[in-house]
N, C-alpha and C. Protein backbone atom coordinates (compact mmCIF):
# COMPACT_ATOMS: atom_id res chain seq x y z
N MET A 1 -84.42 13.12 -62.65
CA MET A 1 -84.55 12.86 -64.06
C MET A 1 -83.25 12.33 -64.64
N GLN A 2 -82.17 12.54 -63.92
CA GLN A 2 -80.89 12.01 -64.41
C GLN A 2 -80.94 10.50 -64.53
N ARG A 3 -81.60 9.83 -63.57
CA ARG A 3 -81.65 8.37 -63.65
C ARG A 3 -82.49 7.90 -64.83
N TRP A 4 -83.51 8.67 -65.21
CA TRP A 4 -84.29 8.31 -66.39
C TRP A 4 -83.46 8.49 -67.65
N GLU A 5 -82.73 9.59 -67.69
CA GLU A 5 -81.87 9.84 -68.85
C GLU A 5 -80.82 8.75 -68.97
N ALA A 6 -80.29 8.29 -67.84
CA ALA A 6 -79.28 7.24 -67.86
C ALA A 6 -79.84 5.92 -68.40
N CYS A 7 -81.14 5.71 -68.26
CA CYS A 7 -81.78 4.47 -68.73
C CYS A 7 -82.47 4.64 -70.07
N ARG A 8 -82.32 5.79 -70.67
CA ARG A 8 -83.03 6.11 -71.92
C ARG A 8 -82.84 5.04 -72.99
N GLU A 9 -81.62 4.56 -73.16
CA GLU A 9 -81.35 3.56 -74.20
C GLU A 9 -82.04 2.23 -73.91
N ARG A 10 -82.15 1.86 -72.65
CA ARG A 10 -82.86 0.62 -72.29
C ARG A 10 -84.33 0.73 -72.69
N PHE A 11 -84.92 1.91 -72.44
CA PHE A 11 -86.33 2.12 -72.82
C PHE A 11 -86.46 2.17 -74.33
N ARG A 12 -85.57 2.88 -74.98
CA ARG A 12 -85.61 3.01 -76.44
C ARG A 12 -85.53 1.63 -77.11
N ALA A 13 -84.72 0.74 -76.55
CA ALA A 13 -84.53 -0.60 -77.13
C ALA A 13 -85.82 -1.41 -77.15
N ILE A 14 -86.74 -1.11 -76.24
CA ILE A 14 -88.02 -1.84 -76.23
C ILE A 14 -89.16 -0.99 -76.79
N GLY A 15 -88.81 0.13 -77.41
CA GLY A 15 -89.81 0.95 -78.08
C GLY A 15 -90.54 1.94 -77.22
N VAL A 16 -89.97 2.30 -76.06
CA VAL A 16 -90.61 3.25 -75.15
C VAL A 16 -89.94 4.61 -75.28
N ARG A 17 -90.75 5.63 -75.45
CA ARG A 17 -90.25 7.01 -75.52
C ARG A 17 -90.53 7.69 -74.18
N LEU A 18 -89.49 8.26 -73.59
CA LEU A 18 -89.63 8.95 -72.31
C LEU A 18 -90.02 10.40 -72.53
N VAL A 19 -91.05 10.84 -71.82
CA VAL A 19 -91.52 12.22 -71.87
C VAL A 19 -91.77 12.64 -70.43
N ALA A 20 -91.21 13.78 -70.03
CA ALA A 20 -91.44 14.31 -68.68
C ALA A 20 -92.32 15.54 -68.79
N ILE A 21 -93.33 15.61 -67.93
CA ILE A 21 -94.24 16.76 -67.90
C ILE A 21 -94.15 17.38 -66.51
N SER A 22 -94.01 18.69 -66.48
CA SER A 22 -93.96 19.39 -65.19
C SER A 22 -94.72 20.70 -65.29
N ALA A 23 -94.93 21.33 -64.15
CA ALA A 23 -95.60 22.62 -64.10
C ALA A 23 -94.64 23.77 -64.41
N ASP A 24 -93.42 23.44 -64.75
CA ASP A 24 -92.44 24.47 -65.11
C ASP A 24 -92.88 25.18 -66.38
N THR A 25 -92.39 26.41 -66.55
CA THR A 25 -92.64 27.13 -67.79
C THR A 25 -91.81 26.50 -68.91
N VAL A 26 -92.11 26.86 -70.13
CA VAL A 26 -91.35 26.38 -71.28
C VAL A 26 -89.88 26.78 -71.12
N ALA A 27 -89.65 28.02 -70.70
CA ALA A 27 -88.27 28.50 -70.51
C ALA A 27 -87.55 27.72 -69.42
N GLU A 28 -88.24 27.43 -68.31
CA GLU A 28 -87.62 26.66 -67.23
C GLU A 28 -87.28 25.25 -67.69
N ALA A 29 -88.18 24.63 -68.44
CA ALA A 29 -87.93 23.27 -68.95
C ALA A 29 -86.75 23.28 -69.92
N ALA A 30 -86.67 24.30 -70.76
CA ALA A 30 -85.56 24.40 -71.71
C ALA A 30 -84.23 24.59 -70.99
N ARG A 31 -84.24 25.40 -69.95
CA ARG A 31 -83.00 25.60 -69.16
C ARG A 31 -82.58 24.30 -68.49
N MET A 32 -83.53 23.56 -67.95
CA MET A 32 -83.20 22.29 -67.30
C MET A 32 -82.62 21.31 -68.32
N ARG A 33 -83.26 21.24 -69.47
CA ARG A 33 -82.78 20.32 -70.51
C ARG A 33 -81.36 20.68 -70.92
N GLU A 34 -81.11 21.97 -71.11
CA GLU A 34 -79.78 22.41 -71.52
C GLU A 34 -78.75 22.21 -70.42
N ARG A 35 -79.11 22.56 -69.20
CA ARG A 35 -78.19 22.46 -68.07
C ARG A 35 -77.74 21.03 -67.82
N HIS A 36 -78.68 20.09 -67.97
CA HIS A 36 -78.37 18.69 -67.66
C HIS A 36 -78.10 17.84 -68.90
N GLY A 37 -78.26 18.42 -70.08
CA GLY A 37 -78.01 17.67 -71.31
C GLY A 37 -79.03 16.57 -71.58
N PHE A 38 -80.26 16.75 -71.10
CA PHE A 38 -81.29 15.74 -71.31
C PHE A 38 -81.64 15.62 -72.78
N GLU A 39 -81.80 14.39 -73.24
CA GLU A 39 -82.30 14.15 -74.59
C GLU A 39 -83.80 13.85 -74.57
N MET A 40 -84.34 13.44 -73.42
CA MET A 40 -85.76 13.13 -73.36
C MET A 40 -86.57 14.40 -73.58
N THR A 41 -87.80 14.21 -73.99
CA THR A 41 -88.71 15.33 -74.22
C THR A 41 -89.18 15.87 -72.87
N LEU A 42 -89.08 17.18 -72.69
CA LEU A 42 -89.58 17.84 -71.49
C LEU A 42 -90.73 18.75 -71.91
N LEU A 43 -91.90 18.54 -71.34
CA LEU A 43 -93.07 19.34 -71.67
C LEU A 43 -93.48 20.21 -70.50
N SER A 44 -93.94 21.40 -70.83
CA SER A 44 -94.41 22.36 -69.83
C SER A 44 -95.92 22.25 -69.70
N ASP A 45 -96.39 22.12 -68.46
CA ASP A 45 -97.83 22.12 -68.17
C ASP A 45 -98.07 23.17 -67.10
N GLU A 46 -97.69 24.39 -67.41
CA GLU A 46 -97.79 25.48 -66.45
C GLU A 46 -99.21 25.70 -65.96
N SER A 47 -100.20 25.44 -66.81
CA SER A 47 -101.61 25.61 -66.43
C SER A 47 -102.14 24.41 -65.64
N LEU A 48 -101.34 23.35 -65.54
CA LEU A 48 -101.70 22.11 -64.83
C LEU A 48 -102.84 21.35 -65.50
N SER A 49 -103.13 21.62 -66.75
CA SER A 49 -104.26 20.95 -67.41
C SER A 49 -104.02 19.45 -67.59
N VAL A 50 -102.83 19.04 -67.96
CA VAL A 50 -102.54 17.61 -68.11
C VAL A 50 -102.44 16.97 -66.73
N ILE A 51 -101.79 17.66 -65.81
CA ILE A 51 -101.67 17.17 -64.43
C ILE A 51 -103.06 16.95 -63.84
N ASP A 52 -103.98 17.89 -64.08
CA ASP A 52 -105.35 17.73 -63.58
C ASP A 52 -106.10 16.62 -64.32
N LEU A 53 -105.83 16.45 -65.61
CA LEU A 53 -106.49 15.40 -66.39
C LEU A 53 -106.24 14.03 -65.77
N TYR A 54 -105.04 13.82 -65.24
CA TYR A 54 -104.68 12.54 -64.62
C TYR A 54 -104.83 12.57 -63.09
N HIS A 55 -105.46 13.62 -62.57
CA HIS A 55 -105.71 13.77 -61.14
C HIS A 55 -104.42 13.70 -60.33
N LEU A 56 -103.41 14.45 -60.78
CA LEU A 56 -102.10 14.40 -60.14
C LEU A 56 -101.72 15.70 -59.44
N ARG A 57 -102.65 16.60 -59.25
CA ARG A 57 -102.35 17.83 -58.53
C ARG A 57 -102.28 17.51 -57.05
N HIS A 58 -101.22 17.96 -56.41
CA HIS A 58 -101.05 17.74 -54.97
C HIS A 58 -101.32 19.07 -54.29
N GLU A 59 -102.55 19.25 -53.85
CA GLU A 59 -102.99 20.54 -53.31
C GLU A 59 -102.28 20.94 -52.02
N ARG A 60 -101.90 19.98 -51.22
CA ARG A 60 -101.32 20.33 -49.92
C ARG A 60 -99.83 20.64 -49.99
N ASN A 61 -99.20 20.29 -51.08
CA ASN A 61 -97.78 20.59 -51.23
C ASN A 61 -97.61 21.58 -52.36
N VAL A 62 -97.03 22.71 -52.03
CA VAL A 62 -96.83 23.77 -53.00
C VAL A 62 -95.38 24.23 -52.95
N THR A 63 -94.98 24.91 -53.97
CA THR A 63 -93.62 25.43 -54.02
C THR A 63 -93.65 26.91 -54.39
N PRO A 64 -92.89 27.72 -53.70
CA PRO A 64 -92.83 29.13 -54.09
C PRO A 64 -91.91 29.28 -55.31
N THR A 65 -92.47 29.77 -56.39
CA THR A 65 -91.71 29.95 -57.62
C THR A 65 -92.13 31.27 -58.26
N ARG A 66 -91.14 32.03 -58.67
CA ARG A 66 -91.41 33.31 -59.33
C ARG A 66 -92.34 34.18 -58.49
N GLY A 67 -92.20 34.12 -57.17
CA GLY A 67 -93.02 34.94 -56.30
C GLY A 67 -94.43 34.43 -56.13
N LEU A 68 -94.76 33.28 -56.70
CA LEU A 68 -96.09 32.69 -56.59
C LEU A 68 -96.00 31.38 -55.83
N ILE A 69 -97.12 30.99 -55.26
CA ILE A 69 -97.20 29.67 -54.64
C ILE A 69 -97.88 28.76 -55.66
N ARG A 70 -97.13 27.77 -56.17
CA ARG A 70 -97.68 26.87 -57.18
C ARG A 70 -97.86 25.48 -56.60
N PRO A 71 -98.99 24.83 -56.93
CA PRO A 71 -99.16 23.45 -56.49
C PRO A 71 -98.15 22.54 -57.18
N LEU A 72 -97.79 21.49 -56.51
CA LEU A 72 -96.91 20.49 -57.08
C LEU A 72 -97.73 19.36 -57.67
N ALA A 73 -97.15 18.69 -58.64
CA ALA A 73 -97.77 17.48 -59.16
C ALA A 73 -97.32 16.29 -58.32
N VAL A 74 -98.20 15.34 -58.16
CA VAL A 74 -97.84 14.08 -57.52
C VAL A 74 -96.94 13.35 -58.50
N PRO A 75 -95.77 12.89 -58.06
CA PRO A 75 -94.92 12.13 -58.97
C PRO A 75 -95.66 10.88 -59.47
N ALA A 76 -95.64 10.71 -60.76
CA ALA A 76 -96.32 9.55 -61.35
C ALA A 76 -95.59 9.13 -62.61
N THR A 77 -95.70 7.87 -62.92
CA THR A 77 -95.20 7.33 -64.17
C THR A 77 -96.39 6.70 -64.86
N ILE A 78 -96.60 7.09 -66.10
CA ILE A 78 -97.76 6.61 -66.86
C ILE A 78 -97.26 5.96 -68.14
N LEU A 79 -97.70 4.76 -68.39
CA LEU A 79 -97.38 4.06 -69.62
C LEU A 79 -98.60 4.17 -70.53
N ILE A 80 -98.41 4.86 -71.66
CA ILE A 80 -99.49 5.06 -72.62
C ILE A 80 -99.12 4.31 -73.89
N GLY A 81 -100.02 3.46 -74.34
CA GLY A 81 -99.78 2.67 -75.54
C GLY A 81 -99.86 3.51 -76.80
N THR A 82 -99.43 2.93 -77.90
CA THR A 82 -99.51 3.63 -79.18
C THR A 82 -100.96 3.92 -79.58
N ASP A 83 -101.91 3.23 -78.93
CA ASP A 83 -103.32 3.48 -79.18
C ASP A 83 -103.87 4.62 -78.33
N GLY A 84 -103.01 5.24 -77.50
CA GLY A 84 -103.42 6.36 -76.67
C GLY A 84 -104.08 5.95 -75.37
N VAL A 85 -104.15 4.66 -75.09
CA VAL A 85 -104.79 4.15 -73.87
C VAL A 85 -103.74 3.97 -72.78
N VAL A 86 -104.10 4.41 -71.56
CA VAL A 86 -103.21 4.23 -70.42
C VAL A 86 -103.15 2.74 -70.10
N LYS A 87 -101.94 2.18 -70.12
CA LYS A 87 -101.74 0.76 -69.86
C LYS A 87 -101.36 0.49 -68.41
N TRP A 88 -100.74 1.49 -67.78
CA TRP A 88 -100.25 1.30 -66.42
C TRP A 88 -99.94 2.68 -65.84
N ILE A 89 -100.19 2.83 -64.55
CA ILE A 89 -99.85 4.09 -63.87
C ILE A 89 -99.32 3.75 -62.49
N ASP A 90 -98.26 4.44 -62.12
CA ASP A 90 -97.67 4.30 -60.80
C ASP A 90 -97.67 5.69 -60.20
N ARG A 91 -98.48 5.89 -59.19
CA ARG A 91 -98.68 7.20 -58.57
C ARG A 91 -98.10 7.15 -57.16
N SER A 92 -97.20 8.07 -56.88
CA SER A 92 -96.55 8.10 -55.57
C SER A 92 -97.47 8.71 -54.52
N SER A 93 -97.37 8.23 -53.30
CA SER A 93 -98.12 8.84 -52.21
C SER A 93 -97.30 9.92 -51.52
N ASP A 94 -96.04 10.05 -51.90
CA ASP A 94 -95.13 11.03 -51.31
C ASP A 94 -94.46 11.81 -52.43
N PHE A 95 -94.64 13.13 -52.44
CA PHE A 95 -94.13 13.94 -53.54
C PHE A 95 -92.60 13.88 -53.66
N ARG A 96 -91.93 13.35 -52.66
CA ARG A 96 -90.47 13.23 -52.71
C ARG A 96 -90.00 11.91 -53.29
N THR A 97 -90.94 11.00 -53.57
CA THR A 97 -90.59 9.66 -54.03
C THR A 97 -91.01 9.46 -55.48
N ARG A 98 -90.11 8.91 -56.27
CA ARG A 98 -90.38 8.61 -57.68
C ARG A 98 -90.22 7.12 -57.92
N SER A 99 -90.87 6.64 -58.98
CA SER A 99 -90.69 5.24 -59.40
C SER A 99 -89.24 5.03 -59.82
N SER A 100 -88.75 3.83 -59.60
CA SER A 100 -87.41 3.51 -60.09
C SER A 100 -87.52 3.05 -61.54
N PRO A 101 -86.52 3.32 -62.36
CA PRO A 101 -86.54 2.83 -63.74
C PRO A 101 -86.71 1.32 -63.84
N ASP A 102 -86.10 0.56 -62.93
CA ASP A 102 -86.25 -0.90 -62.96
C ASP A 102 -87.70 -1.32 -62.73
N HIS A 103 -88.39 -0.63 -61.80
CA HIS A 103 -89.80 -0.91 -61.53
C HIS A 103 -90.64 -0.63 -62.78
N VAL A 104 -90.35 0.48 -63.44
CA VAL A 104 -91.09 0.86 -64.65
C VAL A 104 -90.78 -0.11 -65.78
N LEU A 105 -89.52 -0.48 -65.95
CA LEU A 105 -89.17 -1.44 -67.00
C LEU A 105 -89.89 -2.77 -66.80
N ALA A 106 -90.02 -3.21 -65.55
CA ALA A 106 -90.76 -4.45 -65.27
C ALA A 106 -92.23 -4.31 -65.65
N ALA A 107 -92.83 -3.16 -65.34
CA ALA A 107 -94.24 -2.93 -65.69
C ALA A 107 -94.42 -2.87 -67.21
N VAL A 108 -93.47 -2.25 -67.90
CA VAL A 108 -93.52 -2.19 -69.36
C VAL A 108 -93.44 -3.62 -69.92
N GLY A 109 -92.53 -4.42 -69.38
CA GLY A 109 -92.40 -5.80 -69.82
C GLY A 109 -93.70 -6.57 -69.62
N ASP A 110 -94.35 -6.38 -68.48
CA ASP A 110 -95.63 -7.04 -68.21
C ASP A 110 -96.69 -6.57 -69.19
N ALA A 111 -96.75 -5.26 -69.45
CA ALA A 111 -97.75 -4.71 -70.38
C ALA A 111 -97.53 -5.24 -71.79
N LEU A 112 -96.28 -5.34 -72.20
CA LEU A 112 -95.99 -5.86 -73.53
C LEU A 112 -96.31 -7.34 -73.62
N ALA A 113 -96.06 -8.09 -72.55
CA ALA A 113 -96.34 -9.52 -72.53
C ALA A 113 -97.84 -9.78 -72.66
N ASP A 114 -98.65 -8.88 -72.09
CA ASP A 114 -100.12 -9.02 -72.17
C ASP A 114 -100.63 -8.87 -73.60
N HIS A 115 -99.83 -8.26 -74.48
CA HIS A 115 -100.27 -8.04 -75.85
C HIS A 115 -99.64 -9.00 -76.85
N LEU A 116 -98.94 -10.02 -76.36
CA LEU A 116 -98.33 -11.01 -77.25
C LEU A 116 -99.27 -12.17 -77.49
């Protein structure tokens, strides 16, 4: 998430707001935000309801947390327009791999060009 935070101003300049959603608790997300000085919005989806809405639950990969085995979310980047419609989604096939900010910026540019 540090690389996203480092590119925050580039996204802000084109009108994109960065929001990260994870299965972490609200307290865990707050600690991460404070520890790393993130300005982006961090949302907790401990129940996995949003993760499931986008079919991003990775059943075969789990992490032991707080004495529980919790499923991981598939890393994904979703571009949602101001109309609430998903414009683009990049879903990783490997839970260790994330989209690069440059790849996402290019997709945002393409999505914006389609609406000109």
